[in-house]
PDB file of N, CA and C in Angstrom:
ATOM      1  N   MET A   1     -47.165   5.825 -99.789  1.00  0.00           N
ATOM      2  CA  MET A   1     -46.598   4.932 -98.653  1.00  0.00           C
ATOM      3  C   MET A   1     -48.399   3.893 -98.608  1.00  0.00           C
ATOM      4  N   GLY A   2     -47.777   3.158 -97.110  1.00  0.00           N
ATOM      5  CA  GLY A   2     -49.282   2.511 -97.248  1.00  0.00           C
ATOM      6  C   GLY A   2     -49.499   3.309 -96.048  1.00  0.00           C
ATOM      7  N   THR A   3     -50.870   2.929 -94.886  1.00  0.00           N
ATOM      8  CA  THR A   3     -51.219   3.817 -94.186  1.00  0.00           C
ATOM      9  C   THR A   3     -50.289   3.283 -93.419  1.00  0.00           C
ATOM     10  N   LEU A   4     -50.100   1.887 -92.645  1.00  0.00           N
ATOM     11  CA  LEU A   4     -49.328   1.429 -91.314  1.00  0.00           C
ATOM     12  C   LEU A   4     -48.335   1.692 -91.794  1.00  0.00           C
ATOM     13  N   LEU A   5     -47.184   2.302 -92.137  1.00  0.00           N
ATOM     14  CA  LEU A   5     -45.783   2.156 -92.406  1.00  0.00           C
ATOM     15  C   LEU A   5     -46.134   3.876 -92.137  1.00  0.00           C
ATOM     16  N   LYS A   6     -47.745   4.661 -92.614  1.00  0.00           N
ATOM     17  CA  LYS A   6     -46.358   5.728 -92.842  1.00  0.00           C
ATOM     18  C   LYS A   6     -46.801   6.366 -90.902  1.00  0.00           C
ATOM     19  N   ALA A   7     -47.919   5.682 -90.331  1.00  0.00           N
ATOM     20  CA  ALA A   7     -48.162   6.237 -89.000  1.00  0.00           C
ATOM     21  C   ALA A   7     -46.949   5.051 -87.862  1.00  0.00           C
ATOM     22  N   GLN A   8     -46.534   4.909 -88.412  1.00  0.00           N
ATOM     23  CA  GLN A   8     -45.037   4.492 -87.693  1.00  0.00           C
ATOM     24  C   GLN A   8     -43.921   5.182 -88.126  1.00  0.00           C
ATOM     25  N   ASP A   9     -44.092   6.230 -89.124  1.00  0.00           N
ATOM     26  CA  ASP A   9     -42.573   6.826 -89.671  1.00  0.00           C
ATOM     27  C   ASP A   9     -41.799   6.206 -90.128  1.00  0.00           C
ATOM     28  N   ARG A  10     -42.142   4.978 -90.820  1.00  0.00           N
ATOM     29  CA  ARG A  10     -41.105   4.133 -92.201  1.00  0.00           C
ATOM     30  C   ARG A  10     -40.960   4.638 -93.278  1.00  0.00           C
ATOM     31  N   HIS A  11     -39.832   4.145 -93.831  1.00  0.00           N
ATOM     32  CA  HIS A  11     -40.199   3.879 -95.774  1.00  0.00           C
ATOM     33  C   HIS A  11     -40.696   2.104 -95.871  1.00  0.00           C
ATOM     34  N   PRO A  12     -41.176   1.973 -97.168  1.00  0.00           N
ATOM     35  CA  PRO A  12     -40.800   0.730 -97.905  1.00  0.00           C
ATOM     36  C   PRO A  12     -39.716   0.676 -98.644  1.00  0.00           C
ATOM     37  N   TYR A  13     -38.707   0.841 -98.072  1.00  0.00           N
ATOM     38  CA  TYR A  13     -37.241  -0.166 -98.749  1.00  0.00           C
ATOM     39  C   TYR A  13     -36.779  -0.629 -98.667  1.00  0.00           C
ATOM     40  N   ARG A  14     -36.528  -1.561 -99.303  1.00  0.00           N
ATOM     41  CA  ARG A  14     -35.524  -3.010 -98.787  1.00  0.00           C
ATOM     42  C   ARG A  14     -34.707  -2.654 -99.294  1.00  0.00           C
ATOM     43  N   PRO A  15     -33.044  -3.165 -98.781  1.00  0.00           N
ATOM     44  CA  PRO A  15     -31.593  -3.233 -99.072  1.00  0.00           C
ATOM     45  C   PRO A  15     -31.028  -4.262-100.098  1.00  0.00           C
ATOM     46  N   ALA A  16     -30.455  -3.926-100.892  1.00  0.00           N
ATOM     47  CA  ALA A  16     -30.493  -4.812-101.821  1.00  0.00           C
ATOM     48  C   ALA A  16     -29.589  -5.773-101.440  1.00  0.00           C
ATOM     49  N   HIS A  17     -30.001  -6.984-102.260  1.00  0.00           N
ATOM     50  CA  HIS A  17     -30.415  -8.107-101.948  1.00  0.00           C
ATOM     51  C   HIS A  17     -30.467  -8.638-102.799  1.00  0.00           C
ATOM     52  N   VAL A  18     -29.839 -10.516-102.773  1.00  0.00           N
ATOM     53  CA  VAL A  18     -29.982 -11.310-104.373  1.00  0.00           C
ATOM     54  C   VAL A  18     -30.616 -12.535-103.712  1.00  0.00           C
ATOM     55  N   HIS A  19     -31.502 -12.804-104.783  1.00  0.00           N
ATOM     56  CA  HIS A  19     -32.323 -13.909-103.721  1.00  0.00           C
ATOM     57  C   HIS A  19     -31.329 -15.597-104.441  1.00  0.00           C
ATOM     58  N   VAL A  20     -31.242 -16.424-103.681  1.00  0.00           N
ATOM     59  CA  VAL A  20     -30.296 -17.645-103.862  1.00  0.00           C
ATOM     60  C   VAL A  20     -31.553 -19.004-103.688  1.00  0.00           C
ATOM     61  N   LEU A  21     -30.575 -20.153-104.041  1.00  0.00           N
ATOM     62  CA  LEU A  21     -31.359 -21.311-103.785  1.00  0.00           C
ATOM     63  C   LEU A  21     -30.635 -21.857-104.517  1.00  0.00           C
ATOM     64  N   ALA A  22     -30.056 -23.339-103.262  1.00  0.00           N
ATOM     65  CA  ALA A  22     -28.387 -23.914-103.635  1.00  0.00           C
ATOM     66  C   ALA A  22     -29.328 -25.250-103.199  1.00  0.00           C
ATOM     67  N   HIS A  23     -28.726 -25.367-103.635  1.00  0.00           N
ATOM     68  CA  HIS A  23     -29.135 -27.316-104.344  1.00  0.00           C
ATOM     69  C   HIS A  23     -28.051 -28.332-104.655  1.00  0.00           C
ATOM     70  N   LYS A  24     -28.180 -30.222-104.006  1.00  0.00           N
ATOM     71  CA  LYS A  24     -27.653 -30.066-103.973  1.00  0.00           C
ATOM     72  C   LYS A  24     -27.229 -31.768-103.530  1.00  0.00           C
ATOM     73  N   PRO A  25     -27.498 -32.451-103.651  1.00  0.00           N
ATOM     74  CA  PRO A  25     -28.413 -33.757-103.525  1.00  0.00           C
ATOM     75  C   PRO A  25     -27.262 -34.663-102.742  1.00  0.00           C
ATOM     76  N   GLY A  26     -28.288 -35.417-101.538  1.00  0.00           N
ATOM     77  CA  GLY A  26     -28.242 -35.193-100.659  1.00  0.00           C
ATOM     78  C   GLY A  26     -27.849 -34.265 -99.401  1.00  0.00           C
ATOM     79  N   PHE A  27     -28.825 -32.984 -99.528  1.00  0.00           N
ATOM     80  CA  PHE A  27     -28.643 -31.936 -98.527  1.00  0.00           C
ATOM     81  C   PHE A  27     -29.701 -31.701 -98.807  1.00  0.00           C
ATOM     82  N   LYS A  28     -30.592 -30.963 -97.563  1.00  0.00           N
ATOM     83  CA  LYS A  28     -31.560 -30.208 -98.320  1.00  0.00           C
ATOM     84  C   LYS A  28     -31.089 -28.572 -98.513  1.00  0.00           C
ATOM     85  N   THR A  29     -31.728 -28.600 -99.767  1.00  0.00           N
ATOM     86  CA  THR A  29     -31.946 -27.584-100.243  1.00  0.00           C
ATOM     87  C   THR A  29     -32.821 -26.089 -99.698  1.00  0.00           C
ATOM     88  N   LEU A  30     -32.050 -25.149 -99.497  1.00  0.00           N
ATOM     89  CA  LEU A  30     -32.000 -23.962 -99.474  1.00  0.00           C
ATOM     90  C   LEU A  30     -31.968 -22.860-100.091  1.00  0.00           C
ATOM     91  N   ILE A  31     -33.671 -22.188 -99.869  1.00  0.00           N
ATOM     92  CA  ILE A  31     -33.675 -20.588-100.600  1.00  0.00           C
ATOM     93  C   ILE A  31     -33.037 -20.053 -99.308  1.00  0.00           C
ATOM     94  N   ASN A  32     -32.751 -19.042 -99.962  1.00  0.00           N
ATOM     95  CA  ASN A  32     -32.584 -17.437 -98.919  1.00  0.00           C
ATOM     96  C   ASN A  32     -32.096 -15.918 -99.427  1.00  0.00           C
ATOM     97  N   GLN A  33     -32.143 -15.239 -98.997  1.00  0.00           N
ATOM     98  CA  GLN A  33     -31.505 -14.075 -99.700  1.00  0.00           C
ATOM     99  C   GLN A  33     -29.844 -13.398 -98.818  1.00  0.00           C
ATOM    100  N   THR A  34     -29.035 -13.182 -99.940  1.00  0.00           N
ATOM    101  CA  THR A  34     -28.051 -12.748 -99.343  1.00  0.00           C
ATOM    102  C   THR A  34     -27.634 -10.885 -99.583  1.00  0.00           C
ATOM    103  N   TYR A  35     -27.997 -10.227 -98.636  1.00  0.00           N
ATOM    104  CA  TYR A  35     -27.763  -8.554 -98.499  1.00  0.00           C
ATOM    105  C   TYR A  35     -26.789  -7.929 -98.721  1.00  0.00           C
ATOM    106  N   VAL A  36     -26.186  -7.285 -99.169  1.00  0.00           N
ATOM    107  CA  VAL A  36     -24.819  -6.137 -99.945  1.00  0.00           C
ATOM    108  C   VAL A  36     -25.099  -5.288 -98.852  1.00  0.00           C
ATOM    109  N   ASP A  37     -23.518  -5.773 -98.018  1.00  0.00           N
ATOM    110  CA  ASP A  37     -23.056  -4.937 -96.807  1.00  0.00           C
ATOM    111  C   ASP A  37     -23.159  -3.867 -97.772  1.00  0.00           C
ATOM    112  N   GLU A  38     -22.651  -2.809 -96.462  1.00  0.00           N
ATOM    113  CA  GLU A  38     -22.775  -1.654 -97.153  1.00  0.00           C
ATOM    114  C   GLU A  38     -24.087  -0.724 -98.098  1.00  0.00           C
ATOM    115  N   THR A  39     -25.186  -1.403 -97.956  1.00  0.00           N
ATOM    116  CA  THR A  39     -26.305  -0.258 -98.642  1.00  0.00           C
ATOM    117  C   THR A  39     -27.325   0.465 -97.781  1.00  0.00           C
ATOM    118  N   ASP A  40     -28.471   1.269 -98.382  1.00  0.00           N
ATOM    119  CA  ASP A  40     -29.368   1.529 -98.237  1.00  0.00           C
ATOM    120  C   ASP A  40     -29.995   0.448 -96.831  1.00  0.00           C
ATOM    121  N   TYR A  41     -30.916   1.085 -96.434  1.00  0.00           N
ATOM    122  CA  TYR A  41     -31.851   0.559 -95.783  1.00  0.00           C
ATOM    123  C   TYR A  41     -31.071  -0.813 -94.821  1.00  0.00           C
ATOM    124  N   LEU A  42     -30.307  -1.186 -95.407  1.00  0.00           N
ATOM    125  CA  LEU A  42     -29.958  -2.678 -94.053  1.00  0.00           C
ATOM    126  C   LEU A  42     -30.597  -2.321 -92.382  1.00  0.00           C
ATOM    127  N   THR A  43     -30.026  -1.571 -91.980  1.00  0.00           N
ATOM    128  CA  THR A  43     -30.766  -1.160 -90.710  1.00  0.00           C
ATOM    129  C   THR A  43     -32.905  -1.298 -90.223  1.00  0.00           C
ATOM    130  N   SER A  44     -32.765  -0.939 -91.754  1.00  0.00           N
ATOM    131  CA  SER A  44     -34.236  -0.357 -91.507  1.00  0.00           C
ATOM    132  C   SER A  44     -35.152  -1.307 -92.216  1.00  0.00           C
ATOM    133  N   ASP A  45     -34.965  -2.333 -92.626  1.00  0.00           N
ATOM    134  CA  ASP A  45     -36.018  -2.611 -93.770  1.00  0.00           C
ATOM    135  C   ASP A  45     -36.832  -3.100 -93.914  1.00  0.00           C
ATOM    136  N   VAL A  46     -38.360  -2.831 -94.238  1.00  0.00           N
ATOM    137  CA  VAL A  46     -39.619  -2.364 -94.683  1.00  0.00           C
ATOM    138  C   VAL A  46     -39.760  -3.991 -93.810  1.00  0.00           C
ATOM    139  N   GLN A  47     -39.266  -4.989 -94.784  1.00  0.00           N
ATOM    140  CA  GLN A  47     -39.676  -6.512 -93.871  1.00  0.00           C
ATOM    141  C   GLN A  47     -38.953  -7.012 -93.217  1.00  0.00           C
ATOM    142  N   PHE A  48     -38.136  -5.840 -92.540  1.00  0.00           N
ATOM    143  CA  PHE A  48     -37.409  -7.086 -90.773  1.00  0.00           C
ATOM    144  C   PHE A  48     -37.047  -7.931 -91.414  1.00  0.00           C
ATOM    145  N   GLY A  49     -36.018  -8.172 -92.613  1.00  0.00           N
ATOM    146  CA  GLY A  49     -35.357  -9.638 -93.073  1.00  0.00           C
ATOM    147  C   GLY A  49     -33.764  -9.651 -92.772  1.00  0.00           C
ATOM    148  N   VAL A  50     -33.398  -8.951 -92.110  1.00  0.00           N
ATOM    149  CA  VAL A  50     -32.252  -8.929 -92.222  1.00  0.00           C
ATOM    150  C   VAL A  50     -31.445  -9.815 -91.636  1.00  0.00           C
ATOM    151  N   THR A  51     -30.478 -10.168 -90.929  1.00  0.00           N
ATOM    152  CA  THR A  51     -29.799 -10.394 -89.841  1.00  0.00           C
ATOM    153  C   THR A  51     -28.424 -10.709 -90.176  1.00  0.00           C
ATOM    154  N   LYS A  52     -27.167 -10.837 -89.506  1.00  0.00           N
ATOM    155  CA  LYS A  52     -25.590 -11.091 -89.456  1.00  0.00           C
ATOM    156  C   LYS A  52     -25.766 -11.898 -90.340  1.00  0.00           C
ATOM    157  N   ALA A  53     -26.154 -13.093 -90.083  1.00  0.00           N
ATOM    158  CA  ALA A  53     -25.955 -14.067 -90.405  1.00  0.00           C
ATOM    159  C   ALA A  53     -26.214 -14.178 -92.468  1.00  0.00           C
ATOM    160  N   LEU A  54     -27.402 -13.043 -93.363  1.00  0.00           N
ATOM    161  CA  LEU A  54     -27.216 -13.140 -93.814  1.00  0.00           C
ATOM    162  C   LEU A  54     -26.732 -11.950 -94.766  1.00  0.00           C
ATOM    163  N   ILE A  55     -25.921 -11.291 -94.448  1.00  0.00           N
ATOM    164  CA  ILE A  55     -24.576 -10.143 -95.193  1.00  0.00           C
ATOM    165  C   ILE A  55     -23.568 -10.912 -95.930  1.00  0.00           C
ATOM    166  N   GLY A  56     -23.774 -10.844 -96.955  1.00  0.00           N
ATOM    167  CA  GLY A  56     -22.397 -11.053 -98.111  1.00  0.00           C
ATOM    168  C   GLY A  56     -20.909  -9.746 -97.530  1.00  0.00           C
ATOM    169  N   THR A  57     -20.432  -9.697 -98.824  1.00  0.00           N
ATOM    170  CA  THR A  57     -19.218  -8.467 -98.719  1.00  0.00           C
ATOM    171  C   THR A  57     -19.727  -8.647-100.742  1.00  0.00           C
ATOM    172  N   LEU A  58     -18.998  -6.827-100.999  1.00  0.00           N
ATOM    173  CA  LEU A  58     -19.576  -7.259-101.911  1.00  0.00           C
ATOM    174  C   LEU A  58     -17.812  -6.240-101.957  1.00  0.00           C
ATOM    175  N   GLU A  59     -17.573  -6.724-103.083  1.00  0.00           N
ATOM    176  CA  GLU A  59     -16.152  -6.192-103.654  1.00  0.00           C
ATOM    177  C   GLU A  59     -16.178  -5.710-104.936  1.00  0.00           C
ATOM    178  N   LYS A  60     -15.606  -4.307-105.330  1.00  0.00           N
ATOM    179  CA  LYS A  60     -15.379  -3.719-106.302  1.00  0.00           C
ATOM    180  C   LYS A  60     -13.903  -4.400-107.302  1.00  0.00           C
ATOM    181  N   HIS A  61     -13.966  -4.900-108.732  1.00  0.00           N
ATOM    182  CA  HIS A  61     -13.306  -5.176-108.972  1.00  0.00           C
ATOM    183  C   HIS A  61     -12.497  -4.119-110.433  1.00  0.00           C
ATOM    184  N   SER A  62     -10.858  -4.571-110.675  1.00  0.00           N
ATOM    185  CA  SER A  62     -11.050  -4.130-111.569  1.00  0.00           C
ATOM    186  C   SER A  62      -9.497  -4.418-112.708  1.00  0.00           C
ATOM    187  N   ALA A  63      -9.618  -5.776-112.269  1.00  0.00           N
ATOM    188  CA  ALA A  63      -8.479  -6.784-113.101  1.00  0.00           C
ATOM    189  C   ALA A  63      -9.938  -7.202-114.203  1.00  0.00           C
ATOM    190  N   PRO A  64      -8.834  -8.016-115.429  1.00  0.00           N
ATOM    191  CA  PRO A  64     -10.000  -8.627-116.302  1.00  0.00           C
ATOM    192  C   PRO A  64     -11.224  -9.513-115.256  1.00  0.00           C
ATOM    193  N   HIS A  65     -12.497  -9.769-115.421  1.00  0.00           N
ATOM    194  CA  HIS A  65     -13.057 -10.246-115.460  1.00  0.00           C
ATOM    195  C   HIS A  65     -12.678 -12.252-115.423  1.00  0.00           C
ATOM    196  N   PRO A  66     -12.290 -12.730-114.506  1.00  0.00           N
ATOM    197  CA  PRO A  66     -11.835 -13.929-115.754  1.00  0.00           C
ATOM    198  C   PRO A  66     -12.671 -15.022-115.747  1.00  0.00           C
ATOM    199  N   THR A  67     -13.756 -14.901-115.821  1.00  0.00           N
ATOM    200  CA  THR A  67     -14.451 -15.819-117.411  1.00  0.00           C
ATOM    201  C   THR A  67     -14.381 -15.290-118.499  1.00  0.00           C
ATOM    202  N   ASP A  68     -14.696 -14.617-118.421  1.00  0.00           N
ATOM    203  CA  ASP A  68     -14.304 -13.520-120.044  1.00  0.00           C
ATOM    204  C   ASP A  68     -14.043 -12.563-120.618  1.00  0.00           C
ATOM    205  N   GLY A  69     -12.718 -12.840-119.301  1.00  0.00           N
ATOM    206  CA  GLY A  69     -11.448 -11.823-119.644  1.00  0.00           C
ATOM    207  C   GLY A  69     -11.516  -9.933-120.548  1.00  0.00           C
ATOM    208  N   GLU A  70     -13.293  -9.685-119.761  1.00  0.00           N
ATOM    209  CA  GLU A  70     -12.887  -8.681-121.226  1.00  0.00           C
ATOM    210  C   GLU A  70     -12.573  -7.628-119.764  1.00  0.00           C
ATOM    211  N   VAL A  71     -11.787  -5.970-119.993  1.00  0.00           N
ATOM    212  CA  VAL A  71     -11.557  -5.132-118.801  1.00  0.00           C
ATOM    213  C   VAL A  71     -12.342  -4.441-117.808  1.00  0.00           C
ATOM    214  N   GLY A  72     -12.483  -3.891-117.233  1.00  0.00           N
ATOM    215  CA  GLY A  72     -13.219  -2.566-116.837  1.00  0.00           C
ATOM    216  C   GLY A  72     -14.144  -2.881-115.332  1.00  0.00           C
ATOM    217  N   GLU A  73     -14.587  -2.405-114.206  1.00  0.00           N
ATOM    218  CA  GLU A  73     -15.224  -3.040-113.626  1.00  0.00           C
ATOM    219  C   GLU A  73     -16.336  -4.025-113.204  1.00  0.00           C
ATOM    220  N   TRP A  74     -16.005  -4.555-112.207  1.00  0.00           N
ATOM    221  CA  TRP A  74     -16.929  -5.256-111.818  1.00  0.00           C
ATOM    222  C   TRP A  74     -16.940  -6.197-110.507  1.00  0.00           C
ATOM    223  N   PHE A  75     -18.185  -6.785-109.912  1.00  0.00           N
ATOM    224  CA  PHE A  75     -18.684  -6.639-108.469  1.00  0.00           C
ATOM    225  C   PHE A  75     -18.837  -8.476-108.365  1.00  0.00           C
ATOM    226  N   SER A  76     -18.117  -8.621-107.232  1.00  0.00           N
ATOM    227  CA  SER A  76     -18.422  -9.747-106.400  1.00  0.00           C
ATOM    228  C   SER A  76     -18.466  -9.966-105.004  1.00  0.00           C
ATOM    229  N   LEU A  77     -19.547 -10.872-104.612  1.00  0.00           N
ATOM    230  CA  LEU A  77     -20.190 -11.140-103.927  1.00  0.00           C
ATOM    231  C   LEU A  77     -20.210 -12.334-102.756  1.00  0.00           C
ATOM    232  N   THR A  78     -19.745 -12.253-101.659  1.00  0.00           N
ATOM    233  CA  THR A  78     -19.019 -13.305-101.446  1.00  0.00           C
ATOM    234  C   THR A  78     -20.221 -13.973 -99.689  1.00  0.00           C
ATOM    235  N   HIS A  79     -20.382 -14.735 -99.803  1.00  0.00           N
ATOM    236  CA  HIS A  79     -21.135 -15.279 -99.105  1.00  0.00           C
ATOM    237  C   HIS A  79     -21.044 -16.618 -98.199  1.00  0.00           C
ATOM    238  N   THR A  80     -20.980 -17.159 -97.229  1.00  0.00           N
ATOM    239  CA  THR A  80     -20.721 -18.647 -97.298  1.00  0.00           C
ATOM    240  C   THR A  80     -22.234 -18.839 -97.005  1.00  0.00           C
ATOM    241  N   LEU A  81     -22.801 -19.936 -97.489  1.00  0.00           N
ATOM    242  CA  LEU A  81     -24.247 -20.778 -97.046  1.00  0.00           C
ATOM    243  C   LEU A  81     -23.735 -21.999 -96.511  1.00  0.00           C
ATOM    244  N   THR A  82     -24.809 -22.716 -95.531  1.00  0.00           N
ATOM    245  CA  THR A  82     -23.853 -23.738 -95.220  1.00  0.00           C
ATOM    246  C   THR A  82     -25.332 -24.850 -95.099  1.00  0.00           C
ATOM    247  N   LEU A  83     -25.210 -25.944 -95.907  1.00  0.00           N
ATOM    248  CA  LEU A  83     -26.522 -27.189 -96.161  1.00  0.00           C
ATOM    249  C   LEU A  83     -26.301 -28.016 -94.866  1.00  0.00           C
ATOM    250  N   GLU A  84     -27.913 -28.297 -95.111  1.00  0.00           N
ATOM    251  CA  GLU A  84     -27.713 -29.514 -94.414  1.00  0.00           C
ATOM    252  C   GLU A  84     -28.011 -30.805 -94.667  1.00  0.00           C
ATOM    253  N   PRO A  85     -27.626 -31.724 -94.075  1.00  0.00           N
ATOM    254  CA  PRO A  85     -27.516 -33.065 -94.494  1.00  0.00           C
ATOM    255  C   PRO A  85     -29.313 -33.580 -94.216  1.00  0.00           C
ATOM    256  N   GLY A  86     -29.419 -34.326 -96.283  1.00  0.00           N
ATOM    257  CA  GLY A  86     -31.103 -34.285 -96.167  1.00  0.00           C
ATOM    258  C   GLY A  86     -31.461 -34.579 -97.096  1.00  0.00           C
ATOM    259  N   GLU A  87     -32.666 -34.362 -97.363  1.00  0.00           N
ATOM    260  CA  GLU A  87     -33.668 -34.632 -99.007  1.00  0.00           C
ATOM    261  C   GLU A  87     -32.805 -33.728 -99.647  1.00  0.00           C
ATOM    262  N   SER A  88     -32.702 -33.795-101.065  1.00  0.00           N
ATOM    263  CA  SER A  88     -33.008 -32.723-102.088  1.00  0.00           C
ATOM    264  C   SER A  88     -33.399 -32.376-102.665  1.00  0.00           C
ATOM    265  N   ARG A  89     -34.939 -31.219-102.665  1.00  0.00           N
ATOM    266  CA  ARG A  89     -35.805 -31.811-103.215  1.00  0.00           C
ATOM    267  C   ARG A  89     -36.082 -29.958-104.198  1.00  0.00           C
ATOM    268  N   LEU A  90     -36.434 -28.920-105.365  1.00  0.00           N
ATOM    269  CA  LEU A  90     -36.432 -28.932-105.582  1.00  0.00           C
ATOM    270  C   LEU A  90     -38.074 -28.641-105.041  1.00  0.00           C
ATOM    271  N   PRO A  91     -38.819 -26.553-105.280  1.00  0.00           N
ATOM    272  CA  PRO A  91     -39.779 -26.457-105.300  1.00  0.00           C
ATOM    273  C   PRO A  91     -39.985 -26.214-106.185  1.00  0.00           C
ATOM    274  N   ILE A  92     -41.863 -26.984-106.429  1.00  0.00           N
ATOM    275  CA  ILE A  92     -42.462 -26.370-108.043  1.00  0.00           C
ATOM    276  C   ILE A  92     -42.918 -25.144-108.006  1.00  0.00           C
ATOM    277  N   PRO A  93     -42.576 -24.669-109.162  1.00  0.00           N
ATOM    278  CA  PRO A  93     -42.810 -22.973-109.483  1.00  0.00           C
ATOM    279  C   PRO A  93     -44.456 -22.808-109.903  1.00  0.00           C
ATOM    280  N   PRO A  94     -44.462 -21.941-108.286  1.00  0.00           N
ATOM    281  CA  PRO A  94     -46.067 -21.526-108.564  1.00  0.00           C
ATOM    282  C   PRO A  94     -46.674 -21.056-109.530  1.00  0.00           C
ATOM    283  N   ILE A  95     -45.973 -20.255-111.237  1.00  0.00           N
ATOM    284  CA  ILE A  95     -46.159 -20.071-111.835  1.00  0.00           C
ATOM    285  C   ILE A  95     -45.325 -21.471-113.100  1.00  0.00           C
ATOM    286  N   LYS A  96     -45.975 -22.057-114.179  1.00  0.00           N
ATOM    287  CA  LYS A  96     -46.063 -22.801-115.259  1.00  0.00           C
ATOM    288  C   LYS A  96     -45.254 -22.069-116.148  1.00  0.00           C
TER     289      LYS A  96
END
């Protein structure tokens, strides 16, 4: 554990999250994280990145998956993204 975190009696962990890039012509590109509700470390994220607006709802399903018809448990994460009108540009990857 880092010296600073240890001095503050804090952990180095992040809550479960998914990185999202939303791109649509006519709208500004949105790069974001969606956090899973009811997961560890939501209220104590080491990076202070969690806000209420970034928390999605994880739902467990037992019916067949709609795209592949496979039976078994699967999960969906629901979160609303709001795109702002403007120039749509994709970022340049840092590693080629």
